[in-house]
Amino acid sequence: MADLFELDVFQAYATYATVVVLKMMLMGPLTAYFRMTRGVGGCDGDGSSNGHTTCRTQTAHDAFSNEEDVRGKSEEQKKKLLRSHPDVERVRRCHQNDLENIIPFVVVGLLYSLTAPDVSTALILFRVFAASRFCHTLAYVLPLPQPSRALAWMTGMVVTFCMAYRRDFREVHAMDEFSQTTMEGKVMNAFATYAVLVVVKMMLMAPLTSYFRMTKKVFANKEDTKLVYPVENLQFVRVDPDVERVRRCHQNDLENIIPFVIIGLLYSLTAPDISTALIYFRVFAASRICHTLAYILPLPQPSRALAWMTGMVVTFCMAFRVLTVALHLLFDLSINAQRSTQAPPRLTGG
């Protein structure tokens, strides 16, 4: 595995993947900062109340979500502190968008870097993606008028799709060479194919959400309303059950596909039987597609529950093999260590 870092493309991938993951992690402290500093409500330009909440220049309170965060406060203070704030929710949505885009980039980018791409092309893709995510965050948090945020988001999506296209439809060189010394090549190639398939399927949930928002005229941010109305119109900033259904389906993908990718990679390193591995990968991919169809259409239960449970069982089966192999190796290492310490010293004669 250490040999990978001798490859220029993999070094570039590791650098930019680390940068965007750290940027994603920093959204946590930024959310905490907004919770600690934001008042009860926003103010209009003249400092007056916006009609829904009290102006923060008049009454300043923090915004928390959990009971334990306001422990020791009176009941009246808890009512004021335990609430949501539009600025806090904006940062949380930005963080969620990072999860939905950066994690697929990390997965697809890793597999892409093993296909022996041109270094200059890879650098362009990695740098454009990193820049697009920083621009997206700035456009979301400040906020900047649309379509600035939409263009930044779309740029990152295009980069990831370009890398996924190469992984699926181009001959893999570096992975075959790498697999000869560290893993079963056929299993790893099968995993890479199905991992890219389900990750791309997960990414497509974002454009589907955008489609529902545009057709239903339902938005989460006031600057987004200008996409369908000449000026910002707060009546379009609302919640719609169909949009929320797609968002829940996307969230369920994140909760299930990411564990599959992580455990599936480790499973592929245990040299499993290729036929068994193919069954696992194909069943999981089919279960996630069926789950999405059952969620979006929607289909009557227990169709969605069965699809979700099937994917869970596949991931747990792979995890069981990973743990079994790992524990066996640890046991062998401990036995060998004990034997080496108990072995009598060799006598050298003249």
Protein backbone atom coordinates (compact mmCIF):
# COMPACT_ATOMS: atom_id res chain seq x y z
CA MET A 1 0.00 0.00 0.00
CA ALA A 2 2.91 2.34 0.72
CA ASP A 3 3.99 1.92 -2.92
CA LEU A 4 0.95 3.95 -3.97
CA PHE A 5 2.47 7.11 -2.52
CA GLU A 6 5.30 6.78 -5.02
CA LEU A 7 2.79 7.51 -7.79
CA ASP A 8 2.50 11.20 -8.68
CA VAL A 9 -1.24 10.96 -9.33
CA PHE A 10 -1.92 9.27 -6.01
CA GLN A 11 0.14 11.89 -4.16
CA ALA A 12 -1.92 14.61 -5.81
CA TYR A 13 -5.15 12.79 -4.97
CA ALA A 14 -4.12 12.30 -1.34
CA THR A 15 -3.26 16.00 -1.04
CA TYR A 16 -6.50 17.40 -2.45
CA ALA A 17 -8.67 14.73 -0.84
CA THR A 18 -7.20 15.68 2.54
CA VAL A 19 -7.78 19.38 1.82
CA VAL A 20 -11.47 18.98 0.98
CA VAL A 21 -12.10 16.54 3.84
CA LEU A 22 -10.54 18.99 6.31
CA LYS A 23 -12.64 21.76 4.79
CA MET A 24 -15.72 19.59 5.32
CA MET A 25 -14.73 18.89 8.94
CA LEU A 26 -14.32 22.61 9.63
CA MET A 27 -18.02 23.06 8.95
CA GLY A 28 -18.60 21.48 12.38
CA PRO A 29 -16.74 24.20 14.31
CA LEU A 30 -18.34 26.81 12.04
CA THR A 31 -21.79 25.51 12.99
CA ALA A 32 -20.82 25.65 16.66
CA TYR A 33 -19.62 29.25 16.19
CA PHE A 34 -22.93 30.25 14.61
CA ARG A 35 -24.84 28.56 17.44
CA MET A 36 -22.88 30.51 20.04
CA THR A 37 -23.02 33.90 18.34
CA ARG A 38 -26.36 34.12 16.53
CA GLY A 39 -29.26 35.89 18.17
CA VAL A 40 -32.91 34.93 18.33
CA GLY A 41 -33.70 36.25 14.87
CA GLY A 42 -32.48 38.27 11.95
CA CYS A 43 -32.90 42.02 11.53
CA ASP A 44 -33.83 44.05 8.53
CA GLY A 45 -31.44 46.60 7.16
CA ASP A 46 -32.73 49.34 9.46
CA GLY A 47 -32.26 47.20 12.58
CA SER A 48 -35.98 46.53 13.01
CA SER A 49 -37.58 43.17 13.65
CA ASN A 50 -38.36 41.04 10.59
CA GLY A 51 -41.85 40.30 11.90
CA HIS A 52 -41.17 36.69 12.81
CA THR A 53 -38.41 36.83 15.43
CA THR A 54 -36.88 39.35 17.77
CA CYS A 55 -34.03 41.44 16.40
CA ARG A 56 -30.64 40.13 17.54
CA THR A 57 -29.45 43.68 18.29
CA GLN A 58 -32.17 43.94 20.90
CA THR A 59 -31.98 40.49 22.51
CA ALA A 60 -28.97 38.24 22.05
CA HIS A 61 -29.29 34.54 22.79
CA ASP A 62 -27.51 31.43 21.62
CA ALA A 63 -29.17 28.71 19.53
CA PHE A 64 -28.88 25.09 20.66
CA SER A 65 -30.53 21.80 19.68
CA ASN A 66 -29.85 19.52 22.65
CA GLU A 67 -31.15 19.61 26.22
CA GLU A 68 -27.71 18.89 27.68
CA ASP A 69 -26.26 21.97 25.95
CA VAL A 70 -28.36 24.25 28.19
CA ARG A 71 -28.04 22.29 31.41
CA GLY A 72 -28.29 24.49 34.49
CA LYS A 73 -30.52 27.07 32.82
CA SER A 74 -34.02 27.92 33.96
CA GLU A 75 -37.04 26.60 32.05
CA GLU A 76 -37.69 30.04 30.59
CA GLN A 77 -34.09 30.33 29.40
CA LYS A 78 -34.22 26.82 27.91
CA LYS A 79 -37.24 27.78 25.82
CA LYS A 80 -35.28 30.70 24.40
CA LEU A 81 -32.10 28.71 23.80
CA LEU A 82 -33.50 25.43 22.45
CA ARG A 83 -34.54 26.53 18.97
CA SER A 84 -33.34 26.80 15.41
CA HIS A 85 -31.87 29.86 13.74
CA PRO A 86 -31.90 30.50 9.97
CA ASP A 87 -28.16 31.21 9.87
CA VAL A 88 -27.37 28.04 11.82
CA GLU A 89 -29.61 25.98 9.55
CA ARG A 90 -27.90 27.51 6.51
CA VAL A 91 -24.48 26.35 7.72
CA ARG A 92 -25.88 22.90 8.51
CA ARG A 93 -27.29 22.61 4.98
CA CYS A 94 -23.90 23.62 3.61
CA HIS A 95 -22.27 20.91 5.75
CA GLN A 96 -24.80 18.35 4.50
CA ASN A 97 -24.02 19.34 0.91
CA ASP A 98 -20.32 18.75 1.61
CA LEU A 99 -21.12 15.24 2.83
CA GLU A 100 -23.17 14.57 -0.30
CA ASN A 101 -20.39 15.69 -2.67
CA ILE A 102 -16.97 15.38 -1.02
CA ILE A 103 -17.35 11.77 0.11
CA PRO A 104 -18.25 10.60 -3.43
CA PHE A 105 -15.23 12.55 -4.73
CA VAL A 106 -12.96 10.80 -2.22
CA VAL A 107 -14.26 7.35 -3.21
CA VAL A 108 -14.31 7.88 -6.98
CA GLY A 109 -11.05 9.84 -6.89
CA LEU A 110 -9.26 6.97 -5.16
CA LEU A 111 -10.37 4.51 -7.84
CA TYR A 112 -9.64 7.05 -10.57
CA SER A 113 -6.08 7.52 -9.34
CA LEU A 114 -5.50 3.77 -9.82
CA THR A 115 -6.41 3.89 -13.53
CA ALA A 116 -3.06 5.48 -14.51
CA PRO A 117 -4.56 8.78 -15.71
CA ASP A 118 -2.49 11.58 -17.18
CA VAL A 119 -0.96 13.54 -14.30
CA SER A 120 -1.82 16.96 -15.74
CA THR A 121 -5.44 15.93 -16.34
CA ALA A 122 -5.74 14.49 -12.84
CA LEU A 123 -4.30 17.66 -11.30
CA ILE A 124 -6.82 19.79 -13.19
CA LEU A 125 -9.72 17.64 -11.98
CA PHE A 126 -8.52 17.59 -8.35
CA ARG A 127 -7.84 21.33 -8.24
CA VAL A 128 -11.10 22.29 -9.94
CA PHE A 129 -13.08 20.14 -7.50
CA ALA A 130 -11.32 21.60 -4.45
CA ALA A 131 -11.83 25.16 -5.74
CA SER A 132 -15.49 24.47 -6.52
CA ARG A 133 -16.19 23.26 -2.98
CA PHE A 134 -14.57 26.33 -1.40
CA CYS A 135 -16.54 28.59 -3.75
CA HIS A 136 -19.72 26.68 -2.94
CA THR A 137 -19.21 27.17 0.79
CA LEU A 138 -18.54 30.89 0.40
CA ALA A 139 -21.61 31.30 -1.82
CA TYR A 140 -23.73 29.38 0.71
CA VAL A 141 -22.59 30.96 3.97
CA LEU A 142 -22.19 34.62 2.97
CA PRO A 143 -24.61 34.21 0.94
CA LEU A 144 -23.92 35.18 -2.67
CA PRO A 145 -26.72 35.57 -5.25
CA GLN A 146 -27.61 32.65 -7.48
CA PRO A 147 -26.47 31.08 -9.75
CA SER A 148 -23.07 31.36 -8.05
CA ARG A 149 -23.72 28.50 -5.66
CA ALA A 150 -25.41 26.36 -8.30
CA LEU A 151 -22.48 26.76 -10.68
CA ALA A 152 -19.97 25.83 -7.97
CA TRP A 153 -21.99 22.74 -7.06
CA MET A 154 -22.42 21.71 -10.70
CA THR A 155 -18.70 22.09 -11.38
CA GLY A 156 -17.82 19.65 -8.60
CA MET A 157 -20.47 17.19 -9.81
CA VAL A 158 -19.08 17.27 -13.36
CA VAL A 159 -15.55 16.57 -12.09
CA THR A 160 -16.67 13.53 -10.11
CA PHE A 161 -18.75 12.20 -13.02
CA CYS A 162 -15.75 12.58 -15.35
CA MET A 163 -13.59 10.51 -13.01
CA ALA A 164 -16.36 7.93 -12.61
CA TYR A 165 -16.66 7.63 -16.41
CA ARG A 166 -12.98 6.80 -16.75
CA ARG A 167 -13.17 4.23 -13.97
CA ASP A 168 -16.10 2.39 -15.53
CA PHE A 169 -15.27 2.47 -19.22
CA ARG A 170 -11.49 2.65 -19.56
CA GLU A 171 -9.00 -0.18 -19.16
CA VAL A 172 -7.49 -0.24 -15.69
CA HIS A 173 -3.68 -0.37 -15.72
CA ALA A 174 -2.42 0.74 -12.34
CA MET A 175 -5.00 -1.28 -10.44
CA ASP A 176 -4.05 -4.50 -12.25
CA GLU A 177 -0.38 -3.91 -11.52
CA PHE A 178 -1.14 -3.04 -7.90
CA SER A 179 -3.39 -6.08 -7.46
CA GLN A 180 -0.65 -8.54 -8.41
CA THR A 181 1.15 -7.93 -5.13
CA THR A 182 -1.52 -6.89 -2.64
CA MET A 183 -4.99 -8.17 -3.57
CA GLU A 184 -7.08 -10.30 -5.87
CA GLY A 185 -7.35 -8.20 -9.02
CA LYS A 186 -10.71 -9.53 -10.18
CA VAL A 187 -12.36 -8.93 -6.80
CA MET A 188 -10.99 -5.41 -6.54
CA ASN A 189 -12.05 -4.54 -10.06
CA ALA A 190 -15.53 -5.89 -9.37
CA PHE A 191 -15.72 -3.88 -6.16
CA ALA A 192 -14.52 -0.73 -7.91
CA THR A 193 -17.16 -1.10 -10.62
CA TYR A 194 -20.10 -1.58 -8.27
CA ALA A 195 -18.81 0.98 -5.77
CA VAL A 196 -18.70 3.61 -8.51
CA LEU A 197 -22.16 2.53 -9.67
CA VAL A 198 -23.83 3.00 -6.28
CA VAL A 199 -21.90 6.22 -5.54
CA VAL A 200 -22.99 7.73 -8.86
CA LYS A 201 -26.56 6.61 -8.11
CA MET A 202 -26.29 8.39 -4.75
CA MET A 203 -24.98 11.55 -6.40
CA LEU A 204 -27.91 11.60 -8.83
CA MET A 205 -30.23 12.13 -5.88
CA ALA A 206 -29.01 15.74 -5.66
CA PRO A 207 -30.12 16.70 -9.21
CA LEU A 208 -33.37 14.85 -8.53
CA THR A 209 -33.91 16.99 -5.43
CA SER A 210 -33.19 20.11 -7.48
CA TYR A 211 -35.71 18.97 -10.10
CA PHE A 212 -38.41 18.56 -7.46
CA ARG A 213 -37.56 21.97 -5.96
CA MET A 214 -37.80 23.69 -9.34
CA THR A 215 -41.03 21.99 -10.42
CA LYS A 216 -42.70 22.41 -7.03
CA LYS A 217 -41.24 25.92 -6.54
CA VAL A 218 -40.00 24.98 -3.07
CA PHE A 219 -36.66 26.32 -1.80
CA ALA A 220 -34.63 26.28 1.39
CA ASN A 221 -32.78 29.58 0.82
CA LYS A 222 -34.29 32.92 -0.11
CA GLU A 223 -31.65 33.65 -2.78
CA ASP A 224 -32.73 30.48 -4.61
CA THR A 225 -36.20 31.91 -5.26
CA LYS A 226 -34.75 34.23 -7.92
CA LEU A 227 -34.31 31.14 -10.11
CA VAL A 228 -38.09 31.12 -10.71
CA TYR A 229 -39.09 34.66 -9.68
CA PRO A 230 -37.57 38.05 -10.69
CA VAL A 231 -36.97 39.06 -7.07
CA GLU A 232 -36.50 37.16 -3.83
CA ASN A 233 -39.88 35.88 -2.69
CA LEU A 234 -40.15 34.37 0.78
CA GLN A 235 -43.39 32.57 -0.06
CA PHE A 236 -41.29 30.01 -1.98
CA VAL A 237 -39.10 29.34 1.08
CA ARG A 238 -41.14 26.49 2.46
CA VAL A 239 -41.30 22.72 2.93
CA ASP A 240 -42.92 20.30 0.49
CA PRO A 241 -43.58 16.60 1.28
CA ASP A 242 -42.33 15.40 -2.13
CA VAL A 243 -39.06 17.33 -1.80
CA GLU A 244 -38.58 16.04 1.75
CA ARG A 245 -39.20 12.49 0.52
CA VAL A 246 -36.35 12.77 -2.00
CA ARG A 247 -34.09 14.31 0.63
CA ARG A 248 -34.80 11.45 3.04
CA CYS A 249 -34.02 8.96 0.28
CA HIS A 250 -30.71 10.76 -0.35
CA GLN A 251 -29.92 10.70 3.37
CA ASN A 252 -30.63 6.97 3.47
CA ASP A 253 -28.17 6.48 0.61
CA LEU A 254 -25.49 8.28 2.61
CA GLU A 255 -26.21 6.11 5.64
CA ASN A 256 -25.91 2.84 3.70
CA ILE A 257 -23.70 3.31 0.63
CA ILE A 258 -20.78 4.90 2.48
CA PRO A 259 -20.49 1.95 4.94
CA PHE A 260 -20.70 -0.43 1.95
CA VAL A 261 -17.83 1.34 0.20
CA ILE A 262 -15.60 1.32 3.30
CA ILE A 263 -16.33 -2.27 4.33
CA GLY A 264 -16.37 -3.46 0.71
CA LEU A 265 -12.85 -2.13 0.19
CA LEU A 266 -11.61 -3.94 3.30
CA TYR A 267 -13.51 -7.07 2.25
CA SER A 268 -11.80 -7.02 -1.15
CA LEU A 269 -8.42 -7.04 0.60
CA THR A 270 -9.24 -10.34 2.35
CA ALA A 271 -8.96 -12.32 -0.92
CA PRO A 272 -12.56 -13.60 -0.93
CA ASP A 273 -14.00 -16.00 -3.48
CA ILE A 274 -14.78 -14.03 -6.65
CA SER A 275 -18.21 -15.60 -7.15
CA THR A 276 -19.25 -14.81 -3.57
CA ALA A 277 -17.93 -11.26 -3.86
CA LEU A 278 -19.84 -10.68 -7.10
CA ILE A 279 -23.05 -11.88 -5.47
CA TYR A 280 -22.56 -9.45 -2.57
CA PHE A 281 -21.73 -6.48 -4.81
CA ARG A 282 -24.57 -7.11 -7.26
CA VAL A 283 -27.18 -7.76 -4.59
CA PHE A 284 -26.23 -4.57 -2.76
CA ALA A 285 -26.35 -2.44 -5.92
CA ALA A 286 -29.73 -3.91 -6.89
CA SER A 287 -31.09 -3.40 -3.36
CA ARG A 288 -30.18 0.30 -3.36
CA ILE A 289 -31.79 0.90 -6.76
CA CYS A 290 -34.93 -0.93 -5.63
CA HIS A 291 -34.91 1.07 -2.38
CA THR A 292 -34.83 4.35 -4.29
CA LEU A 293 -37.67 3.31 -6.60
CA ALA A 294 -39.75 2.17 -3.63
CA TYR A 295 -39.07 5.47 -1.84
CA ILE A 296 -39.66 7.91 -4.70
CA LEU A 297 -42.66 6.38 -6.49
CA PRO A 298 -43.63 5.35 -3.68
CA LEU A 299 -44.34 1.62 -3.50
CA PRO A 300 -46.29 0.07 -0.62
CA GLN A 301 -44.41 -1.36 2.33
CA PRO A 302 -42.65 -3.67 3.03
CA SER A 303 -41.00 -3.20 -0.40
CA ARG A 304 -38.72 -0.39 0.77
CA ALA A 305 -37.98 -2.07 4.10
CA LEU A 306 -36.99 -5.32 2.38
CA ALA A 307 -34.69 -3.49 -0.05
CA TRP A 308 -33.04 -1.60 2.82
CA MET A 309 -32.65 -4.77 4.90
CA THR A 310 -31.08 -6.66 1.99
CA GLY A 311 -28.35 -4.05 1.62
CA MET A 312 -27.74 -4.06 5.36
CA VAL A 313 -27.37 -7.86 5.42
CA VAL A 314 -24.82 -7.74 2.58
CA THR A 315 -22.71 -5.14 4.38
CA PHE A 316 -22.86 -7.07 7.65
CA CYS A 317 -21.81 -10.30 5.87
CA MET A 318 -18.75 -8.58 4.40
CA ALA A 319 -17.97 -6.98 7.77
CA PHE A 320 -18.12 -10.43 9.41
CA ARG A 321 -15.47 -11.77 7.02
CA VAL A 322 -13.27 -8.70 7.53
CA LEU A 323 -13.42 -9.10 11.31
CA THR A 324 -12.83 -12.86 11.10
CA VAL A 325 -9.74 -12.47 8.92
CA ALA A 326 -8.44 -9.56 11.01
CA LEU A 327 -8.86 -11.43 14.30
CA HIS A 328 -7.19 -14.52 12.82
CA LEU A 329 -4.21 -12.44 11.73
CA LEU A 330 -3.99 -10.76 15.13
CA PHE A 331 -4.08 -14.17 16.83
CA ASP A 332 -1.27 -15.46 14.59
CA LEU A 333 0.79 -12.35 15.27
CA SER A 334 0.41 -12.76 19.03
CA ILE A 335 1.40 -16.46 18.83
CA ASN A 336 4.47 -15.64 16.73
CA ALA A 337 5.43 -12.84 19.12
CA GLN A 338 5.22 -15.20 22.10
CA ARG A 339 7.31 -17.82 20.32
CA SER A 340 9.99 -15.28 19.43
CA THR A 341 10.28 -14.11 23.04
CA GLN A 342 10.42 -17.67 24.38
CA ALA A 343 12.96 -18.96 21.86
CA PRO A 344 16.35 -19.77 23.51
CA PRO A 345 19.32 -17.72 22.34
CA ARG A 346 21.59 -19.33 19.79
CA LEU A 347 25.02 -20.43 20.93
CA THR A 348 27.88 -19.54 18.67
CA GLY A 349 30.97 -21.67 18.81
CA GLY A 350 34.49 -20.80 17.76
